[in-house]
Amino acid sequence: MGSVVKKRRKKMTKHKHRKLLSRTRHARKKK
């Protein structure tokens, strides 16, 4: 049970930070 909850939390954080990561990556490439 505990391991499943941890995996779900990791997936949620990844989805939340995906937009921020994509923006920073594009900005770095432009520079």
PDB file of N, CA and C in Angstrom:
ATOM      1  N   MET A   1       0.836  -1.204   0.000  1.00  0.00           N
ATOM      2  CA  MET A   1       0.000   0.000   0.000  1.00  0.00           C
ATOM      3  C   MET A   1       0.872   1.256   0.000  1.00  0.00           C
ATOM      4  N   GLY A   2       1.857   1.293   0.893  1.00  0.00           N
ATOM      5  CA  GLY A   2       2.709   2.483   0.997  1.00  0.00           C
ATOM      6  C   GLY A   2       3.471   2.770  -0.289  1.00  0.00           C
ATOM      7  N   SER A   3       4.008   1.709  -0.911  1.00  0.00           N
ATOM      8  CA  SER A   3       4.802   1.906  -2.131  1.00  0.00           C
ATOM      9  C   SER A   3       3.933   2.487  -3.248  1.00  0.00           C
ATOM     10  N   VAL A   4       2.678   2.038  -3.322  1.00  0.00           N
ATOM     11  CA  VAL A   4       1.780   2.545  -4.375  1.00  0.00           C
ATOM     12  C   VAL A   4       1.531   4.041  -4.184  1.00  0.00           C
ATOM     13  N   VAL A   5       1.319   4.450  -2.935  1.00  0.00           N
ATOM     14  CA  VAL A   5       1.063   5.867  -2.658  1.00  0.00           C
ATOM     15  C   VAL A   5       2.283   6.702  -3.053  1.00  0.00           C
ATOM     16  N   LYS A   6       3.485   6.224  -2.731  1.00  0.00           N
ATOM     17  CA  LYS A   6       4.704   6.964  -3.068  1.00  0.00           C
ATOM     18  C   LYS A   6       4.834   7.114  -4.582  1.00  0.00           C
ATOM     19  N   LYS A   7       4.552   6.043  -5.321  1.00  0.00           N
ATOM     20  CA  LYS A   7       4.643   6.105  -6.790  1.00  0.00           C
ATOM     21  C   LYS A   7       3.653   7.127  -7.336  1.00  0.00           C
ATOM     22  N   ARG A   8       2.426   7.111  -6.803  1.00  0.00           N
ATOM     23  CA  ARG A   8       1.408   8.062  -7.282  1.00  0.00           C
ATOM     24  C   ARG A   8       1.845   9.493  -6.993  1.00  0.00           C
ATOM     25  N   ARG A   9       2.434   9.728  -5.812  1.00  0.00           N
ATOM     26  CA  ARG A   9       2.892  11.083  -5.461  1.00  0.00           C
ATOM     27  C   ARG A   9       3.982  11.536  -6.425  1.00  0.00           C
ATOM     28  N   LYS A  10       4.911  10.626  -6.771  1.00  0.00           N
ATOM     29  CA  LYS A  10       5.991  10.974  -7.702  1.00  0.00           C
ATOM     30  C   LYS A  10       5.421  11.365  -9.063  1.00  0.00           C
ATOM     31  N   LYS A  11       4.432  10.614  -9.534  1.00  0.00           N
ATOM     32  CA  LYS A  11       3.818  10.914 -10.839  1.00  0.00           C
ATOM     33  C   LYS A  11       3.138  12.285 -10.805  1.00  0.00           C
ATOM     34  N   MET A  12       2.451  12.600  -9.718  1.00  0.00           N
ATOM     35  CA  MET A  12       1.761  13.879  -9.605  1.00  0.00           C
ATOM     36  C   MET A  12       2.754  15.036  -9.655  1.00  0.00           C
ATOM     37  N   THR A  13       3.868  14.929  -8.910  1.00  0.00           N
ATOM     38  CA  THR A  13       4.865  15.999  -8.898  1.00  0.00           C
ATOM     39  C   THR A  13       5.466  16.164 -10.289  1.00  0.00           C
ATOM     40  N   LYS A  14       5.698  15.044 -10.981  1.00  0.00           N
ATOM     41  CA  LYS A  14       6.282  15.113 -12.326  1.00  0.00           C
ATOM     42  C   LYS A  14       5.348  15.882 -13.258  1.00  0.00           C
ATOM     43  N   HIS A  15       4.050  15.595 -13.197  1.00  0.00           N
ATOM     44  CA  HIS A  15       3.095  16.274 -14.073  1.00  0.00           C
ATOM     45  C   HIS A  15       3.048  17.772 -13.773  1.00  0.00           C
ATOM     46  N   LYS A  16       3.128  18.130 -12.499  1.00  0.00           N
ATOM     47  CA  LYS A  16       3.064  19.548 -12.117  1.00  0.00           C
ATOM     48  C   LYS A  16       4.295  20.303 -12.619  1.00  0.00           C
ATOM     49  N   HIS A  17       5.467  19.653 -12.582  1.00  0.00           N
ATOM     50  CA  HIS A  17       6.709  20.324 -12.976  1.00  0.00           C
ATOM     51  C   HIS A  17       7.004  20.188 -14.467  1.00  0.00           C
ATOM     52  N   ARG A  18       6.224  19.381 -15.175  1.00  0.00           N
ATOM     53  CA  ARG A  18       6.495  19.164 -16.609  1.00  0.00           C
ATOM     54  C   ARG A  18       6.413  20.473 -17.386  1.00  0.00           C
ATOM     55  N   LYS A  19       5.396  21.285 -17.131  1.00  0.00           N
ATOM     56  CA  LYS A  19       5.233  22.551 -17.853  1.00  0.00           C
ATOM     57  C   LYS A  19       6.416  23.483 -17.564  1.00  0.00           C
ATOM     58  N   LEU A  20       6.819  23.575 -16.290  1.00  0.00           N
ATOM     59  CA  LEU A  20       7.936  24.451 -15.929  1.00  0.00           C
ATOM     60  C   LEU A  20       9.222  23.976 -16.595  1.00  0.00           C
ATOM     61  N   LEU A  21       9.453  22.664 -16.586  1.00  0.00           N
ATOM     62  CA  LEU A  21      10.682  22.118 -17.174  1.00  0.00           C
ATOM     63  C   LEU A  21      10.726  22.401 -18.674  1.00  0.00           C
ATOM     64  N   SER A  22       9.603  22.191 -19.367  1.00  0.00           N
ATOM     65  CA  SER A  22       9.568  22.412 -20.817  1.00  0.00           C
ATOM     66  C   SER A  22       9.868  23.880 -21.129  1.00  0.00           C
ATOM     67  N   ARG A  23       9.319  24.801 -20.326  1.00  0.00           N
ATOM     68  CA  ARG A  23       9.564  26.232 -20.571  1.00  0.00           C
ATOM     69  C   ARG A  23      11.047  26.564 -20.393  1.00  0.00           C
ATOM     70  N   THR A  24      11.658  26.086 -19.319  1.00  0.00           N
ATOM     71  CA  THR A  24      13.065  26.397 -19.052  1.00  0.00           C
ATOM     72  C   THR A  24      13.950  25.784 -20.138  1.00  0.00           C
ATOM     73  N   ARG A  25      13.623  24.575 -20.581  1.00  0.00           N
ATOM     74  CA  ARG A  25      14.420  23.909 -21.613  1.00  0.00           C
ATOM     75  C   ARG A  25      14.388  24.712 -22.914  1.00  0.00           C
ATOM     76  N   HIS A  26      13.202  25.205 -23.289  1.00  0.00           N
ATOM     77  CA  HIS A  26      13.085  25.979 -24.530  1.00  0.00           C
ATOM     78  C   HIS A  26      13.872  27.290 -24.410  1.00  0.00           C
ATOM     79  N   ALA A  27      13.795  27.922 -23.233  1.00  0.00           N
ATOM     80  CA  ALA A  27      14.503  29.182 -23.024  1.00  0.00           C
ATOM     81  C   ALA A  27      16.008  28.966 -23.146  1.00  0.00           C
ATOM     82  N   ARG A  28      16.510  27.860 -22.565  1.00  0.00           N
ATOM     83  CA  ARG A  28      17.943  27.570 -22.619  1.00  0.00           C
ATOM     84  C   ARG A  28      18.389  27.332 -24.061  1.00  0.00           C
ATOM     85  N   LYS A  29      17.556  26.612 -24.826  1.00  0.00           N
ATOM     86  CA  LYS A  29      17.915  26.323 -26.224  1.00  0.00           C
ATOM     87  C   LYS A  29      17.988  27.620 -27.035  1.00  0.00           C
ATOM     88  N   LYS A  30      17.071  28.537 -26.796  1.00  0.00           N
ATOM     89  CA  LYS A  30      17.058  29.814 -27.531  1.00  0.00           C
ATOM     90  C   LYS A  30      18.332  30.611 -27.233  1.00  0.00           C
ATOM     91  N   LYS A  31      18.775  30.556 -25.970  1.00  0.00           N
ATOM     92  CA  LYS A  31      19.982  31.314 -25.592  1.00  0.00           C
ATOM     93  C   LYS A  31      21.191  30.680 -26.265  1.00  0.00           C
TER      94      LYS A  31
END
